[in-house]
Amino acid sequence: MKLVVVSAGLSVPSSTRLLGDRLAAAVDRHTPVDIQMIELRDLAVEIAHNFTNGFAGRALAAAQDAVTGADGLIVVTPVFTASYSGLFKSFFDVLDKDALAGKPVLIAATGGTARHSLVLEHALRPLFAYLRAVVVPTAVYAASEDWGAEGLPERTERAAGELAALMQGLSAARPAKDGLSAEGDLPAGDDLAVVPFEEQLARLGA
């Protein structure tokens, strides 16, 4: 399975990148994954150009393809003005509107003080719910004082376990390429037939 980490950290070294690395390593401990890191600061110019000319540069297009093709995402942003950064939001603005539909996502953020921890619930979670992603219950916030303190490792492991479980579940449910189910004995989709909405309404009125 492929795990993509999107980091909006700007400094080098970056606590935002560090948190993304720790979360990805924790997911890999729960289930083996191929990890790809996307540093948004390296894509800032191409993201801006995409807004003005409508075309993605080579690096931005590769990042978009990586996110779209991932089995799971970890997204990490520093807090700016009590919300996610503009660079972070801009990247998801230039993704295809269906790119994250049904995709497991772990949301995380970093900041200078614990007072901004609610950014996860009032900004990030609504954003990814709007994008129709499946956001794991546990979000991870790391303030400056959290590094090396109790609590952060436990939250990291819990969130990583939830993301790994979602990724494994969706991978197992994905139809095989030969048209067979994961068990290999029934045609994929036979037990998940879609009933047209008009037919469902007709049944209700019968």
Protein backbone atom coordinates (compact mmCIF):
# COMPACT_ATOMS: atom_id res chain seq x y z
CA MET A 1 0.00 0.00 0.00
CA LYS A 2 1.09 3.55 -0.69
CA LEU A 3 1.08 6.23 2.00
CA VAL A 4 1.62 9.87 1.00
CA VAL A 5 2.58 12.55 3.53
CA VAL A 6 1.78 16.15 2.61
CA SER A 7 3.82 18.61 4.70
CA ALA A 8 3.29 22.37 4.56
CA GLY A 9 6.29 23.20 6.74
CA LEU A 10 8.35 26.17 5.58
CA SER A 11 11.51 26.08 7.68
CA VAL A 12 14.49 23.73 7.46
CA PRO A 13 14.51 21.73 9.64
CA SER A 14 10.74 21.75 10.10
CA SER A 15 8.74 20.51 13.08
CA THR A 16 5.85 20.01 10.66
CA ARG A 17 7.96 17.66 8.54
CA LEU A 18 9.20 15.93 11.69
CA LEU A 19 5.64 15.25 12.84
CA GLY A 20 4.77 13.89 9.40
CA ASP A 21 7.79 11.59 9.48
CA ARG A 22 6.88 10.27 12.94
CA LEU A 23 3.28 9.61 11.94
CA ALA A 24 4.34 7.82 8.76
CA ALA A 25 6.83 5.64 10.66
CA ALA A 26 4.09 4.74 13.15
CA VAL A 27 1.73 3.72 10.35
CA ASP A 28 4.50 1.57 8.86
CA ARG A 29 4.86 -0.19 12.21
CA HIS A 30 1.19 -1.14 12.08
CA THR A 31 1.19 -2.23 8.44
CA PRO A 32 3.99 -2.12 5.83
CA VAL A 33 3.56 0.84 3.46
CA ASP A 34 5.53 2.63 0.77
CA ILE A 35 5.97 6.18 2.05
CA GLN A 36 6.24 9.23 -0.19
CA MET A 37 6.80 12.71 1.25
CA ILE A 38 5.50 15.83 -0.52
CA GLU A 39 7.05 19.11 0.69
CA LEU A 40 4.70 21.91 -0.36
CA ARG A 41 7.35 24.63 0.01
CA ASP A 42 9.08 23.09 -3.03
CA LEU A 43 5.85 23.41 -5.03
CA ALA A 44 4.85 26.95 -4.00
CA VAL A 45 5.76 28.60 -7.33
CA GLU A 46 4.06 25.93 -9.43
CA ILE A 47 0.94 26.11 -7.26
CA ALA A 48 0.78 29.89 -7.81
CA HIS A 49 1.25 29.45 -11.55
CA ASN A 50 -1.51 26.82 -11.60
CA PHE A 51 -3.93 29.41 -10.21
CA THR A 52 -3.03 31.94 -12.89
CA ASN A 53 -2.67 29.78 -16.00
CA GLY A 54 -4.65 26.65 -15.15
CA PHE A 55 -1.74 24.26 -15.85
CA ALA A 56 0.21 22.17 -13.36
CA GLY A 57 4.00 22.09 -13.71
CA ARG A 58 5.81 18.79 -13.80
CA ALA A 59 6.54 18.58 -10.07
CA LEU A 60 3.04 19.71 -9.06
CA ALA A 61 1.43 17.25 -11.48
CA ALA A 62 3.51 14.43 -10.01
CA ALA A 63 2.40 15.44 -6.50
CA GLN A 64 -1.23 15.55 -7.59
CA ASP A 65 -0.94 12.07 -9.12
CA ALA A 66 0.73 10.75 -5.96
CA VAL A 67 -2.08 12.04 -3.74
CA THR A 68 -4.79 10.75 -6.08
CA GLY A 69 -3.19 7.30 -6.27
CA ALA A 70 -2.41 6.94 -2.57
CA ASP A 71 -4.10 4.36 -0.37
CA GLY A 72 -3.89 6.78 2.56
CA LEU A 73 -2.77 10.32 3.37
CA ILE A 74 -1.15 12.10 6.27
CA VAL A 75 -1.54 15.88 6.01
CA VAL A 76 0.39 18.22 8.31
CA THR A 77 0.27 22.01 8.44
CA PRO A 78 1.73 24.68 10.68
CA VAL A 79 -0.85 26.96 12.28
CA PHE A 80 -1.14 30.45 10.78
CA THR A 81 -3.68 32.95 12.16
CA ALA A 82 -5.57 30.20 13.98
CA SER A 83 -5.99 28.09 10.84
CA TYR A 84 -4.08 26.03 8.27
CA SER A 85 -1.51 27.82 6.14
CA GLY A 86 -2.41 29.40 2.81
CA LEU A 87 0.09 27.15 1.01
CA PHE A 88 -1.57 24.07 2.53
CA LYS A 89 -5.05 25.16 1.42
CA SER A 90 -3.81 26.20 -2.02
CA PHE A 91 -2.44 22.73 -2.74
CA PHE A 92 -5.77 21.08 -2.04
CA ASP A 93 -7.51 23.79 -4.07
CA VAL A 94 -5.62 22.68 -7.20
CA LEU A 95 -6.44 18.98 -6.76
CA ASP A 96 -9.23 17.39 -8.76
CA LYS A 97 -12.50 17.70 -6.84
CA ASP A 98 -12.83 13.91 -6.56
CA ALA A 99 -9.19 13.17 -5.72
CA LEU A 100 -9.81 12.54 -2.01
CA ALA A 101 -13.27 10.98 -2.18
CA GLY A 102 -13.32 7.93 0.11
CA LYS A 103 -9.60 8.21 0.88
CA PRO A 104 -8.38 7.66 4.48
CA VAL A 105 -6.73 10.81 5.83
CA LEU A 106 -4.92 11.53 9.10
CA ILE A 107 -4.92 15.24 9.93
CA ALA A 108 -2.16 16.86 11.99
CA ALA A 109 -0.79 20.30 12.81
CA THR A 110 2.04 22.03 14.62
CA GLY A 111 2.11 25.33 16.50
CA GLY A 112 3.91 27.34 19.12
CA THR A 113 1.24 26.91 21.77
CA ALA A 114 -1.35 24.31 22.75
CA ARG A 115 -4.04 27.02 22.59
CA HIS A 116 -4.25 26.49 18.82
CA SER A 117 -4.94 22.74 19.01
CA LEU A 118 -8.61 23.20 18.09
CA VAL A 119 -7.50 24.16 14.58
CA LEU A 120 -7.73 20.43 13.86
CA GLU A 121 -11.45 20.37 14.59
CA HIS A 122 -12.64 23.77 13.38
CA ALA A 123 -10.48 24.04 10.24
CA LEU A 124 -8.86 20.80 9.04
CA ARG A 125 -11.60 18.29 9.77
CA PRO A 126 -14.34 20.33 8.01
CA LEU A 127 -12.05 20.89 5.00
CA PHE A 128 -11.43 17.19 4.45
CA ALA A 129 -15.02 16.28 5.20
CA TYR A 130 -15.99 18.70 2.41
CA LEU A 131 -13.51 16.93 0.11
CA ARG A 132 -15.28 13.65 1.03
CA ALA A 133 -12.21 12.08 2.58
CA VAL A 134 -12.53 9.56 5.43
CA VAL A 135 -10.82 11.37 8.31
CA VAL A 136 -9.55 9.17 11.15
CA PRO A 137 -11.05 9.95 14.59
CA THR A 138 -7.76 10.87 16.26
CA ALA A 139 -6.07 14.05 15.05
CA VAL A 140 -2.56 14.97 16.21
CA TYR A 141 -1.42 18.43 17.30
CA ALA A 142 2.12 19.14 18.43
CA ALA A 143 2.92 22.36 20.26
CA SER A 144 6.50 23.37 21.01
CA GLU A 145 6.28 21.94 24.53
CA ASP A 146 4.95 18.58 23.30
CA TRP A 147 8.21 17.43 21.77
CA GLY A 148 9.81 14.98 24.16
CA ALA A 149 6.85 15.19 26.55
CA GLU A 150 4.25 12.58 27.48
CA GLY A 151 1.14 12.36 25.35
CA LEU A 152 2.43 13.00 21.83
CA PRO A 153 3.83 9.48 21.25
CA GLU A 154 0.57 7.94 22.48
CA ARG A 155 -1.57 10.15 20.22
CA THR A 156 0.75 9.42 17.32
CA GLU A 157 0.44 5.65 17.76
CA ARG A 158 -3.34 5.79 18.19
CA ALA A 159 -3.89 7.92 15.09
CA ALA A 160 -1.47 5.80 13.05
CA GLY A 161 -3.27 2.63 14.08
CA GLU A 162 -6.60 4.09 12.99
CA LEU A 163 -5.20 5.11 9.60
CA ALA A 164 -3.54 1.71 9.09
CA ALA A 165 -6.80 -0.08 9.91
CA LEU A 166 -8.72 2.04 7.41
CA MET A 167 -6.12 1.49 4.71
CA GLN A 168 -6.12 -2.26 5.28
CA GLY A 169 -9.91 -2.43 5.26
CA LEU A 170 -10.29 -0.49 2.05
CA SER A 171 -7.49 -2.43 0.38
CA ALA A 172 -9.15 -5.74 1.27
CA ALA A 173 -12.49 -4.49 -0.07
CA ARG A 174 -11.03 -3.32 -3.39
CA PRO A 175 -12.08 -5.64 -6.29
CA ALA A 176 -9.34 -7.76 -7.81
CA LYS A 177 -8.19 -6.91 -11.33
CA ASP A 178 -9.48 -10.21 -12.70
CA GLY A 179 -13.02 -9.40 -11.66
CA LEU A 180 -13.04 -11.68 -8.63
CA SER A 181 -13.64 -10.67 -5.06
CA ALA A 182 -10.86 -10.67 -2.46
CA GLU A 183 -11.83 -14.28 -1.66
CA GLY A 184 -11.46 -15.17 -5.36
CA ASP A 185 -14.72 -17.10 -5.64
CA LEU A 186 -17.42 -14.55 -6.47
CA PRO A 187 -17.49 -11.88 -9.16
CA ALA A 188 -16.56 -8.58 -7.58
CA GLY A 189 -19.54 -6.40 -6.75
CA ASP A 190 -22.22 -9.14 -6.79
CA ASP A 191 -23.02 -8.52 -3.13
CA LEU A 192 -22.78 -4.76 -3.51
CA ALA A 193 -25.29 -4.16 -6.29
CA VAL A 194 -26.32 -0.53 -6.68
CA VAL A 195 -30.06 0.06 -6.85
CA PRO A 196 -31.00 3.18 -8.85
CA PHE A 197 -32.52 5.93 -6.72
CA GLU A 198 -35.68 6.04 -8.87
CA GLU A 199 -36.22 2.32 -8.24
CA GLN A 200 -35.84 2.81 -4.50
CA LEU A 201 -38.45 5.59 -4.57
CA ALA A 202 -40.83 3.38 -6.55
CA ARG A 203 -40.51 0.63 -3.93
CA LEU A 204 -41.32 3.09 -1.16
CA GLY A 205 -44.47 4.21 -2.97
CA ALA A 206 -45.66 0.67 -3.68
